[in-house]
Structures are given as structure tokens and as C-alpha cells.
Amino acid sequence: MRSPALAIVEDDGALAAAFACAFERRGYDVRVAASPADLDRLLDGFRPTHALVDLKLGTESGLPCIARLATADPETLIVVLTGYASIATAVEAVKLGATHYLPKPANLDDLEAAFARGRTADPGISIDGRPTSLKTLEWERINEVLADTGFNISETARRLGMHRRTLARKLAKRRVS
């Protein structure tokens, strides 16, 4: 059995470094990516057994990272860590291949416990610890429809009932790619 390899996809450098250091002490081979593009480069020569993905990577979404990791190896245990927890994003993350979804703040023991559970669902984890703002709900809905349409902006705008230029402006403010 190979030693555990962990991909951390987190745009907060200090948090990523802290998690990397802590997981390395626990025997993981750790690599860090700060964006979906970084993850693509990381996966060229690295096959993680575990992954920790932040749902919001600066102005980008972590959802494509989940899909990319699940496609690269369906056996990878993917834990989504987010400060924007909601039912909609949890469902979308699981559809894309995430095994668990944890709201921030979560500590190393929470993450290790999620990995230890493997693919077993844990109904005891609450994802409604914080109220969700209207802007966050809108952004989550846009992400959900974008993922459903294969990131086709015209079709996404049609399904959301908004003008394509309006959607393009919203996406320019908070890039998804």
C-alpha cells in the first residue's frame, strides 16, 4: 500500500502552508495548488490519494478542481472545506466527486476524521452554521448552473433568465474558470 499523498487546493497561502506542514508530520506526501490552473500542473506528475479543496479560490470556484481530481482518480478521497457552506454547494460538490464537505473553521482532526470515514456519509456534520448572504446564494446558483451546462455562458444565462452580458459582467467580477 502506498503512503498517503495529499493535494491541497487553497488560495490562502498561510492556511495551505499550515495544513501542509501538519499533514506532512502525519506521514502524508503533500503538494499545494492555489488555483484550478495550478492543480492541472500539479496533477501532471502527482497522483493524490487524498485532496483538500477550498470551495472559493480567490475569484475562482473550487468546483472544477473537484471534478478534475475525481476524473484523474475516482478513488481519491476529496474533502471540501469552505466558509460558504450551503446545501446547494454541498450537493454540487458531491455530484462532482467530493466525499465530504466541511464548513470552516475546521481543524486538522476534523479533516483527518473526514478522510478516515472514507466514502461513508456522516449526517452528523452540520453545514448550516452560518447564515448565507443573498450574494453568496446567487453566486452558488450561478456556479451550479454553469457546472450543469458544461460552463457554457450563453446556455447558463438562458437557464438563469438573465442577459448574457449581465452574466458575463458577474463572472468577470468573480471568475469561475
N, C-alpha and C. Protein backbone atom coordinates (compact mmCIF):
# COMPACT_ATOMS: atom_id res chain seq x y z
N MET A 1 0.85 -1.18 0.00
CA MET A 1 0.00 0.00 0.00
C MET A 1 0.89 1.24 0.00
N ARG A 2 0.60 2.16 -0.91
CA ARG A 2 1.44 3.36 -0.99
C ARG A 2 1.09 4.33 0.13
N SER A 3 2.05 5.18 0.48
CA SER A 3 1.80 6.16 1.54
C SER A 3 0.81 7.20 1.05
N PRO A 4 0.07 7.81 1.96
CA PRO A 4 -0.95 8.78 1.54
C PRO A 4 -0.32 10.02 0.90
N ALA A 5 -0.92 10.44 -0.20
CA ALA A 5 -0.48 11.64 -0.93
C ALA A 5 -1.65 12.62 -0.91
N LEU A 6 -1.38 13.84 -0.50
CA LEU A 6 -2.44 14.84 -0.32
C LEU A 6 -2.23 16.03 -1.23
N ALA A 7 -3.26 16.39 -1.99
CA ALA A 7 -3.26 17.62 -2.76
C ALA A 7 -4.12 18.63 -2.00
N ILE A 8 -3.54 19.78 -1.69
CA ILE A 8 -4.28 20.85 -1.03
C ILE A 8 -4.52 21.94 -2.06
N VAL A 9 -5.78 22.26 -2.30
CA VAL A 9 -6.13 23.33 -3.23
C VAL A 9 -6.72 24.46 -2.38
N GLU A 10 -5.90 25.45 -2.10
CA GLU A 10 -6.25 26.53 -1.17
C GLU A 10 -5.52 27.80 -1.59
N ASP A 11 -6.25 28.91 -1.73
CA ASP A 11 -5.63 30.16 -2.15
C ASP A 11 -5.02 30.96 -1.01
N ASP A 12 -5.37 30.63 0.22
CA ASP A 12 -4.77 31.29 1.38
C ASP A 12 -3.44 30.60 1.68
N GLY A 13 -2.35 31.25 1.31
CA GLY A 13 -1.02 30.65 1.44
C GLY A 13 -0.67 30.23 2.84
N ALA A 14 -1.01 31.04 3.83
CA ALA A 14 -0.69 30.71 5.22
C ALA A 14 -1.46 29.48 5.69
N LEU A 15 -2.74 29.41 5.36
CA LEU A 15 -3.55 28.25 5.75
C LEU A 15 -3.05 27.00 5.03
N ALA A 16 -2.76 27.12 3.74
CA ALA A 16 -2.26 25.98 2.98
C ALA A 16 -0.94 25.48 3.56
N ALA A 17 -0.04 26.40 3.91
CA ALA A 17 1.25 26.02 4.49
C ALA A 17 1.07 25.34 5.85
N ALA A 18 0.14 25.84 6.65
CA ALA A 18 -0.12 25.23 7.96
C ALA A 18 -0.66 23.81 7.80
N PHE A 19 -1.65 23.63 6.90
CA PHE A 19 -2.19 22.30 6.66
C PHE A 19 -1.11 21.38 6.09
N ALA A 20 -0.31 21.88 5.16
CA ALA A 20 0.74 21.07 4.54
C ALA A 20 1.73 20.57 5.59
N CYS A 21 2.17 21.47 6.43
CA CYS A 21 3.13 21.11 7.48
C CYS A 21 2.54 20.06 8.43
N ALA A 22 1.31 20.29 8.85
CA ALA A 22 0.66 19.38 9.80
C ALA A 22 0.43 17.99 9.18
N PHE A 23 0.00 17.94 7.92
CA PHE A 23 -0.23 16.64 7.27
C PHE A 23 1.09 15.93 6.97
N GLU A 24 2.14 16.69 6.65
CA GLU A 24 3.45 16.08 6.44
C GLU A 24 3.93 15.40 7.72
N ARG A 25 3.69 16.04 8.86
CA ARG A 25 4.06 15.43 10.15
C ARG A 25 3.29 14.14 10.40
N ARG A 26 2.12 14.02 9.78
CA ARG A 26 1.31 12.80 9.94
C ARG A 26 1.59 11.77 8.86
N GLY A 27 2.64 12.01 8.07
CA GLY A 27 3.07 11.00 7.10
C GLY A 27 2.57 11.16 5.67
N TYR A 28 1.93 12.25 5.35
CA TYR A 28 1.42 12.48 4.00
C TYR A 28 2.49 13.11 3.13
N ASP A 29 2.51 12.76 1.85
CA ASP A 29 3.28 13.47 0.84
C ASP A 29 2.35 14.57 0.35
N VAL A 30 2.69 15.83 0.62
CA VAL A 30 1.75 16.94 0.38
C VAL A 30 2.24 17.84 -0.75
N ARG A 31 1.31 18.23 -1.61
CA ARG A 31 1.56 19.23 -2.65
C ARG A 31 0.42 20.25 -2.57
N VAL A 32 0.74 21.52 -2.88
CA VAL A 32 -0.24 22.60 -2.75
C VAL A 32 -0.46 23.28 -4.09
N ALA A 33 -1.72 23.58 -4.38
CA ALA A 33 -2.11 24.36 -5.56
C ALA A 33 -3.01 25.50 -5.08
N ALA A 34 -2.87 26.67 -5.70
CA ALA A 34 -3.65 27.83 -5.28
C ALA A 34 -4.81 28.14 -6.22
N SER A 35 -4.91 27.43 -7.34
CA SER A 35 -5.95 27.70 -8.33
C SER A 35 -6.20 26.44 -9.16
N PRO A 36 -7.28 26.44 -9.95
CA PRO A 36 -7.51 25.30 -10.84
C PRO A 36 -6.36 25.08 -11.82
N ALA A 37 -5.77 26.15 -12.32
CA ALA A 37 -4.63 26.01 -13.24
C ALA A 37 -3.43 25.38 -12.54
N ASP A 38 -3.17 25.80 -11.30
CA ASP A 38 -2.09 25.19 -10.52
C ASP A 38 -2.35 23.70 -10.30
N LEU A 39 -3.60 23.35 -10.05
CA LEU A 39 -3.95 21.95 -9.83
C LEU A 39 -3.67 21.13 -11.08
N ASP A 40 -4.01 21.66 -12.25
CA ASP A 40 -3.73 20.94 -13.50
C ASP A 40 -2.24 20.65 -13.64
N ARG A 41 -1.40 21.64 -13.32
CA ARG A 41 0.06 21.44 -13.39
C ARG A 41 0.50 20.42 -12.34
N LEU A 42 -0.06 20.51 -11.15
CA LEU A 42 0.30 19.60 -10.07
C LEU A 42 -0.02 18.15 -10.43
N LEU A 43 -1.17 17.93 -11.08
CA LEU A 43 -1.61 16.57 -11.40
C LEU A 43 -0.84 15.94 -12.55
N ASP A 44 -0.01 16.72 -13.24
CA ASP A 44 0.79 16.15 -14.32
C ASP A 44 1.74 15.07 -13.81
N GLY A 45 2.31 15.25 -12.62
CA GLY A 45 3.25 14.27 -12.12
C GLY A 45 2.94 13.79 -10.71
N PHE A 46 1.74 13.98 -10.25
CA PHE A 46 1.39 13.65 -8.87
C PHE A 46 0.00 13.03 -8.84
N ARG A 47 -0.15 11.89 -8.17
CA ARG A 47 -1.44 11.22 -8.04
C ARG A 47 -1.83 11.16 -6.57
N PRO A 48 -2.66 12.11 -6.13
CA PRO A 48 -3.05 12.14 -4.72
C PRO A 48 -4.04 11.03 -4.37
N THR A 49 -3.89 10.50 -3.16
CA THR A 49 -4.88 9.56 -2.62
C THR A 49 -5.95 10.34 -1.86
N HIS A 50 -5.59 11.55 -1.42
CA HIS A 50 -6.48 12.43 -0.66
C HIS A 50 -6.38 13.84 -1.24
N ALA A 51 -7.45 14.62 -1.09
CA ALA A 51 -7.42 16.01 -1.54
C ALA A 51 -8.26 16.86 -0.60
N LEU A 52 -7.78 18.06 -0.37
CA LEU A 52 -8.49 19.05 0.41
C LEU A 52 -8.70 20.24 -0.51
N VAL A 53 -9.95 20.60 -0.78
CA VAL A 53 -10.26 21.64 -1.75
C VAL A 53 -11.09 22.73 -1.10
N ASP A 54 -10.61 23.97 -1.20
CA ASP A 54 -11.39 25.13 -0.75
C ASP A 54 -12.39 25.43 -1.85
N LEU A 55 -13.62 25.71 -1.49
CA LEU A 55 -14.66 25.96 -2.48
C LEU A 55 -14.48 27.31 -3.18
N LYS A 56 -13.90 28.28 -2.49
CA LYS A 56 -13.72 29.60 -3.09
C LYS A 56 -12.22 29.90 -3.13
N LEU A 57 -11.70 29.98 -4.35
CA LEU A 57 -10.27 30.21 -4.56
C LEU A 57 -10.08 31.61 -5.13
N GLY A 58 -10.02 32.59 -4.25
CA GLY A 58 -9.95 33.98 -4.72
C GLY A 58 -11.22 34.32 -5.46
N THR A 59 -11.08 34.61 -6.75
CA THR A 59 -12.25 34.92 -7.57
C THR A 59 -12.74 33.70 -8.35
N GLU A 60 -12.10 32.55 -8.12
CA GLU A 60 -12.47 31.34 -8.85
C GLU A 60 -13.20 30.36 -7.95
N SER A 61 -13.89 29.44 -8.58
CA SER A 61 -14.61 28.39 -7.86
C SER A 61 -13.73 27.15 -7.74
N GLY A 62 -13.87 26.43 -6.64
CA GLY A 62 -13.15 25.18 -6.46
C GLY A 62 -13.88 23.99 -7.07
N LEU A 63 -15.10 24.19 -7.56
CA LEU A 63 -15.87 23.08 -8.14
C LEU A 63 -15.15 22.39 -9.30
N PRO A 64 -14.54 23.14 -10.24
CA PRO A 64 -13.81 22.44 -11.31
C PRO A 64 -12.64 21.60 -10.78
N CYS A 65 -12.06 22.00 -9.66
CA CYS A 65 -10.97 21.23 -9.07
C CYS A 65 -11.46 19.88 -8.58
N ILE A 66 -12.66 19.86 -8.01
CA ILE A 66 -13.24 18.61 -7.54
C ILE A 66 -13.44 17.66 -8.71
N ALA A 67 -14.01 18.20 -9.79
CA ALA A 67 -14.25 17.38 -10.98
C ALA A 67 -12.93 16.87 -11.56
N ARG A 68 -11.93 17.72 -11.60
CA ARG A 68 -10.62 17.34 -12.16
C ARG A 68 -9.97 16.23 -11.32
N LEU A 69 -10.01 16.37 -10.01
CA LEU A 69 -9.44 15.35 -9.12
C LEU A 69 -10.19 14.02 -9.25
N ALA A 70 -11.51 14.08 -9.31
CA ALA A 70 -12.31 12.85 -9.42
C ALA A 70 -12.08 12.17 -10.76
N THR A 71 -11.88 12.96 -11.81
CA THR A 71 -11.60 12.40 -13.13
C THR A 71 -10.22 11.75 -13.16
N ALA A 72 -9.23 12.41 -12.55
CA ALA A 72 -7.87 11.89 -12.54
C ALA A 72 -7.80 10.54 -11.82
N ASP A 73 -8.52 10.41 -10.71
CA ASP A 73 -8.56 9.15 -9.97
C ASP A 73 -9.84 9.11 -9.13
N PRO A 74 -10.82 8.31 -9.56
CA PRO A 74 -12.09 8.25 -8.83
C PRO A 74 -11.97 7.75 -7.40
N GLU A 75 -10.85 7.14 -7.04
CA GLU A 75 -10.65 6.64 -5.68
C GLU A 75 -10.11 7.71 -4.73
N THR A 76 -9.74 8.87 -5.24
CA THR A 76 -9.23 9.94 -4.40
C THR A 76 -10.32 10.40 -3.43
N LEU A 77 -9.97 10.47 -2.15
CA LEU A 77 -10.90 10.98 -1.13
C LEU A 77 -10.79 12.50 -1.13
N ILE A 78 -11.88 13.17 -1.49
CA ILE A 78 -11.87 14.62 -1.63
C ILE A 78 -12.74 15.25 -0.55
N VAL A 79 -12.12 16.10 0.26
CA VAL A 79 -12.85 16.83 1.29
C VAL A 79 -12.89 18.29 0.88
N VAL A 80 -14.09 18.85 0.84
CA VAL A 80 -14.29 20.26 0.50
C VAL A 80 -14.36 21.03 1.81
N LEU A 81 -13.57 22.07 1.90
CA LEU A 81 -13.54 22.93 3.07
C LEU A 81 -13.97 24.32 2.62
N THR A 82 -15.00 24.88 3.26
CA THR A 82 -15.49 26.17 2.78
C THR A 82 -16.05 27.04 3.90
N GLY A 83 -15.93 28.33 3.70
CA GLY A 83 -16.55 29.30 4.58
C GLY A 83 -17.92 29.70 4.05
N TYR A 84 -18.31 29.15 2.91
CA TYR A 84 -19.59 29.47 2.26
C TYR A 84 -20.45 28.23 2.17
N ALA A 85 -20.66 27.58 3.29
CA ALA A 85 -21.40 26.32 3.32
C ALA A 85 -22.88 26.52 3.02
N SER A 86 -23.39 25.67 2.15
CA SER A 86 -24.83 25.65 1.87
C SER A 86 -25.20 24.29 1.30
N ILE A 87 -26.46 23.99 1.33
CA ILE A 87 -26.96 22.72 0.80
C ILE A 87 -26.65 22.62 -0.69
N ALA A 88 -26.89 23.70 -1.44
CA ALA A 88 -26.68 23.68 -2.89
C ALA A 88 -25.24 23.36 -3.26
N THR A 89 -24.29 24.01 -2.61
CA THR A 89 -22.89 23.74 -2.95
C THR A 89 -22.45 22.36 -2.45
N ALA A 90 -22.99 21.91 -1.34
CA ALA A 90 -22.66 20.57 -0.85
C ALA A 90 -23.12 19.51 -1.84
N VAL A 91 -24.34 19.66 -2.34
CA VAL A 91 -24.88 18.71 -3.31
C VAL A 91 -24.05 18.73 -4.59
N GLU A 92 -23.73 19.92 -5.07
CA GLU A 92 -22.94 20.04 -6.30
C GLU A 92 -21.55 19.43 -6.12
N ALA A 93 -20.92 19.70 -4.98
CA ALA A 93 -19.59 19.15 -4.72
C ALA A 93 -19.62 17.63 -4.71
N VAL A 94 -20.62 17.05 -4.08
CA VAL A 94 -20.74 15.59 -4.01
C VAL A 94 -21.02 15.02 -5.40
N LYS A 95 -21.86 15.69 -6.18
CA LYS A 95 -22.13 15.25 -7.55
C LYS A 95 -20.85 15.20 -8.38
N LEU A 96 -19.95 16.16 -8.13
CA LEU A 96 -18.71 16.23 -8.89
C LEU A 96 -17.64 15.26 -8.40
N GLY A 97 -17.84 14.67 -7.21
CA GLY A 97 -16.89 13.67 -6.74
C GLY A 97 -16.35 13.86 -5.34
N ALA A 98 -16.78 14.90 -4.64
CA ALA A 98 -16.32 15.10 -3.26
C ALA A 98 -16.88 14.01 -2.36
N THR A 99 -16.08 13.58 -1.39
CA THR A 99 -16.55 12.57 -0.46
C THR A 99 -17.12 13.18 0.81
N HIS A 100 -16.60 14.35 1.21
CA HIS A 100 -17.10 15.03 2.40
C HIS A 100 -17.03 16.54 2.20
N TYR A 101 -17.81 17.26 2.98
CA TYR A 101 -17.96 18.70 2.86
C TYR A 101 -17.96 19.28 4.27
N LEU A 102 -16.94 20.08 4.60
CA LEU A 102 -16.83 20.63 5.95
C LEU A 102 -16.85 22.15 5.92
N PRO A 103 -17.64 22.77 6.79
CA PRO A 103 -17.62 24.23 6.87
C PRO A 103 -16.42 24.71 7.69
N LYS A 104 -15.90 25.88 7.34
CA LYS A 104 -14.83 26.49 8.13
C LYS A 104 -15.46 27.09 9.37
N PRO A 105 -14.83 27.16 10.47
CA PRO A 105 -13.47 26.67 10.68
C PRO A 105 -13.48 25.17 10.97
N ALA A 106 -12.52 24.48 10.38
CA ALA A 106 -12.33 23.06 10.66
C ALA A 106 -10.86 22.88 10.99
N ASN A 107 -10.59 22.03 11.95
CA ASN A 107 -9.20 21.82 12.33
C ASN A 107 -8.66 20.54 11.69
N LEU A 108 -7.41 20.28 11.94
CA LEU A 108 -6.75 19.12 11.34
C LEU A 108 -7.42 17.81 11.74
N ASP A 109 -7.87 17.72 12.98
CA ASP A 109 -8.54 16.50 13.42
C ASP A 109 -9.86 16.28 12.67
N ASP A 110 -10.60 17.37 12.40
CA ASP A 110 -11.84 17.26 11.62
C ASP A 110 -11.55 16.72 10.22
N LEU A 111 -10.48 17.25 9.61
CA LEU A 111 -10.11 16.82 8.26
C LEU A 111 -9.66 15.37 8.24
N GLU A 112 -8.81 15.02 9.20
CA GLU A 112 -8.31 13.64 9.29
C GLU A 112 -9.48 12.68 9.53
N ALA A 113 -10.45 13.07 10.36
CA ALA A 113 -11.63 12.23 10.62
C ALA A 113 -12.46 12.06 9.35
N ALA A 114 -12.58 13.13 8.56
CA ALA A 114 -13.32 13.03 7.30
C ALA A 114 -12.62 12.06 6.34
N PHE A 115 -11.30 12.14 6.27
CA PHE A 115 -10.55 11.20 5.43
C PHE A 115 -10.71 9.77 5.95
N ALA A 116 -10.68 9.60 7.26
CA ALA A 116 -10.78 8.27 7.87
C ALA A 116 -12.15 7.63 7.59
N ARG A 117 -13.19 8.45 7.46
CA ARG A 117 -14.52 7.91 7.16
C ARG A 117 -14.61 7.38 5.75
N GLY A 118 -13.65 7.73 4.91
CA GLY A 118 -13.67 7.25 3.53
C GLY A 118 -14.89 7.76 2.80
N ARG A 119 -15.60 6.88 2.18
CA ARG A 119 -16.78 7.27 1.39
C ARG A 119 -18.08 7.11 2.16
N THR A 120 -18.00 6.92 3.48
CA THR A 120 -19.19 6.77 4.29
C THR A 120 -19.77 8.14 4.61
N ALA A 121 -21.05 8.30 4.40
CA ALA A 121 -21.71 9.57 4.68
C ALA A 121 -21.82 9.78 6.18
N ASP A 122 -21.70 11.03 6.60
CA ASP A 122 -21.83 11.37 8.02
C ASP A 122 -22.91 12.43 8.18
N PRO A 123 -24.12 12.04 8.53
CA PRO A 123 -25.20 13.02 8.66
C PRO A 123 -25.03 13.94 9.86
N GLY A 124 -24.04 13.66 10.70
CA GLY A 124 -23.84 14.49 11.89
C GLY A 124 -23.15 15.81 11.61
N ILE A 125 -22.62 16.01 10.41
CA ILE A 125 -21.94 17.25 10.09
C ILE A 125 -22.96 18.29 9.65
N SER A 126 -22.98 19.40 10.34
CA SER A 126 -23.92 20.47 10.01
C SER A 126 -23.29 21.42 9.02
N ILE A 127 -24.00 21.77 7.97
CA ILE A 127 -23.47 22.72 7.01
C ILE A 127 -24.18 24.06 7.09
N ASP A 128 -25.03 24.23 8.08
CA ASP A 128 -25.76 25.49 8.17
C ASP A 128 -25.35 26.29 9.39
N GLY A 129 -24.06 26.31 9.69
CA GLY A 129 -23.58 27.01 10.87
C GLY A 129 -23.63 28.52 10.74
N ARG A 130 -23.66 29.04 9.52
CA ARG A 130 -23.66 30.48 9.30
C ARG A 130 -24.78 30.87 8.35
N PRO A 131 -25.35 32.03 8.55
CA PRO A 131 -26.35 32.48 7.57
C PRO A 131 -25.65 32.79 6.25
N THR A 132 -26.31 32.48 5.16
CA THR A 132 -25.75 32.71 3.84
C THR A 132 -26.32 33.99 3.26
N SER A 133 -25.44 34.84 2.74
CA SER A 133 -25.88 36.11 2.17
C SER A 133 -26.55 35.88 0.81
N LEU A 134 -27.33 36.85 0.39
CA LEU A 134 -28.01 36.78 -0.90
C LEU A 134 -27.00 36.71 -2.04
N LYS A 135 -25.91 37.48 -1.94
CA LYS A 135 -24.87 37.44 -2.97
C LYS A 135 -24.23 36.06 -3.05
N THR A 136 -24.00 35.44 -1.91
CA THR A 136 -23.41 34.11 -1.90
C THR A 136 -24.37 33.09 -2.52
N LEU A 137 -25.65 33.19 -2.18
CA LEU A 137 -26.64 32.29 -2.77
C LEU A 137 -26.71 32.46 -4.28
N GLU A 138 -26.66 33.72 -4.74
CA GLU A 138 -26.67 33.97 -6.19
C GLU A 138 -25.44 33.34 -6.84
N TRP A 139 -24.28 33.56 -6.24
CA TRP A 139 -23.03 33.02 -6.79
C TRP A 139 -23.07 31.49 -6.82
N GLU A 140 -23.61 30.87 -5.78
CA GLU A 140 -23.72 29.42 -5.75
C GLU A 140 -24.64 28.91 -6.85
N ARG A 141 -25.75 29.62 -7.06
CA ARG A 141 -26.69 29.21 -8.12
C ARG A 141 -26.04 29.35 -9.49
N ILE A 142 -25.31 30.43 -9.71
CA ILE A 142 -24.60 30.61 -10.97
C ILE A 142 -23.61 29.47 -11.17
N ASN A 143 -22.84 29.13 -10.13
CA ASN A 143 -21.87 28.03 -10.22
C ASN A 143 -22.56 26.71 -10.54
N GLU A 144 -23.68 26.48 -9.89
CA GLU A 144 -24.42 25.24 -10.10
C GLU A 144 -24.89 25.11 -11.55
N VAL A 145 -25.47 26.19 -12.08
CA VAL A 145 -25.96 26.15 -13.46
C VAL A 145 -24.79 26.10 -14.44
N LEU A 146 -23.72 26.82 -14.16
CA LEU A 146 -22.53 26.75 -15.02
C LEU A 146 -22.02 25.32 -15.12
N ALA A 147 -21.95 24.64 -13.99
CA ALA A 147 -21.48 23.25 -13.99
C ALA A 147 -22.44 22.36 -14.78
N ASP A 148 -23.75 22.58 -14.61
CA ASP A 148 -24.75 21.79 -15.33
C ASP A 148 -24.66 21.97 -16.84
N THR A 149 -24.25 23.16 -17.28
CA THR A 149 -24.20 23.45 -18.72
C THR A 149 -22.81 23.24 -19.30
N GLY A 150 -21.91 22.67 -18.53
CA GLY A 150 -20.56 22.47 -19.03
C GLY A 150 -19.83 23.78 -19.22
N PHE A 151 -20.15 24.78 -18.38
CA PHE A 151 -19.53 26.11 -18.38
C PHE A 151 -19.81 26.88 -19.68
N ASN A 152 -20.99 26.64 -20.26
CA ASN A 152 -21.46 27.37 -21.43
C ASN A 152 -22.19 28.62 -20.94
N ILE A 153 -21.60 29.78 -21.17
CA ILE A 153 -22.14 31.03 -20.62
C ILE A 153 -23.50 31.38 -21.22
N SER A 154 -23.65 31.21 -22.53
CA SER A 154 -24.93 31.55 -23.17
C SER A 154 -26.07 30.69 -22.63
N GLU A 155 -25.82 29.39 -22.53
CA GLU A 155 -26.86 28.48 -22.02
C GLU A 155 -27.13 28.75 -20.54
N THR A 156 -26.10 29.06 -19.77
CA THR A 156 -26.27 29.38 -18.36
C THR A 156 -27.15 30.62 -18.20
N ALA A 157 -26.87 31.66 -18.98
CA ALA A 157 -27.66 32.88 -18.92
C ALA A 157 -29.12 32.59 -19.26
N ARG A 158 -29.34 31.77 -20.28
CA ARG A 158 -30.71 31.43 -20.67
C ARG A 158 -31.43 30.72 -19.54
N ARG A 159 -30.78 29.74 -18.91
CA ARG A 159 -31.41 28.98 -17.83
C ARG A 159 -31.66 29.84 -16.59
N LEU A 160 -30.80 30.84 -16.38
CA LEU A 160 -30.99 31.72 -15.22
C LEU A 160 -31.96 32.85 -15.51
N GLY A 161 -32.34 33.00 -16.77
CA GLY A 161 -33.27 34.07 -17.14
C GLY A 161 -32.63 35.45 -17.08
N MET A 162 -31.35 35.53 -17.41
CA MET A 162 -30.70 36.83 -17.42
C MET A 162 -29.99 37.03 -18.76
N HIS A 163 -29.69 38.26 -19.06
CA HIS A 163 -28.99 38.58 -20.30
C HIS A 163 -27.57 38.04 -20.20
N ARG A 164 -27.05 37.58 -21.33
CA ARG A 164 -25.70 37.01 -21.36
C ARG A 164 -24.65 38.02 -20.90
N ARG A 165 -24.82 39.28 -21.28
CA ARG A 165 -23.84 40.31 -20.87
C ARG A 165 -23.88 40.54 -19.36
N THR A 166 -25.06 40.46 -18.77
CA THR A 166 -25.18 40.61 -17.31
C THR A 166 -24.42 39.48 -16.63
N LEU A 167 -24.61 38.26 -17.11
CA LEU A 167 -23.88 37.12 -16.55
C LEU A 167 -22.38 37.29 -16.77
N ALA A 168 -21.99 37.73 -17.93
CA ALA A 168 -20.56 37.92 -18.22
C ALA A 168 -19.95 38.94 -17.26
N ARG A 169 -20.69 40.02 -16.96
CA ARG A 169 -20.18 41.02 -16.00
C ARG A 169 -20.03 40.42 -14.61
N LYS A 170 -21.01 39.61 -14.19
CA LYS A 170 -20.93 38.97 -12.87
C LYS A 170 -19.73 38.02 -12.81
N LEU A 171 -19.53 37.28 -13.88
CA LEU A 171 -18.41 36.34 -13.92
C LEU A 171 -17.07 37.05 -13.97
N ALA A 172 -17.03 38.21 -14.60
CA ALA A 172 -15.78 38.98 -14.67
C ALA A 172 -15.38 39.46 -13.27
N LYS A 173 -16.37 39.72 -12.42
CA LYS A 173 -16.08 40.15 -11.06
C LYS A 173 -15.58 39.00 -10.20
N ARG A 174 -16.10 37.81 -10.45
CA ARG A 174 -15.73 36.62 -9.66
C ARG A 174 -15.53 35.46 -10.62
N ARG A 175 -14.37 35.41 -11.22
CA ARG A 175 -14.07 34.44 -12.27
C ARG A 175 -14.26 33.00 -11.78
N VAL A 176 -14.84 32.14 -12.61
CA VAL A 176 -15.12 30.75 -12.27
C VAL A 176 -14.08 29.81 -12.85
N SER A 177 -13.79 29.90 -14.12
CA SER A 177 -12.94 29.01 -14.92
C SER A 177 -12.69 27.72 -14.34
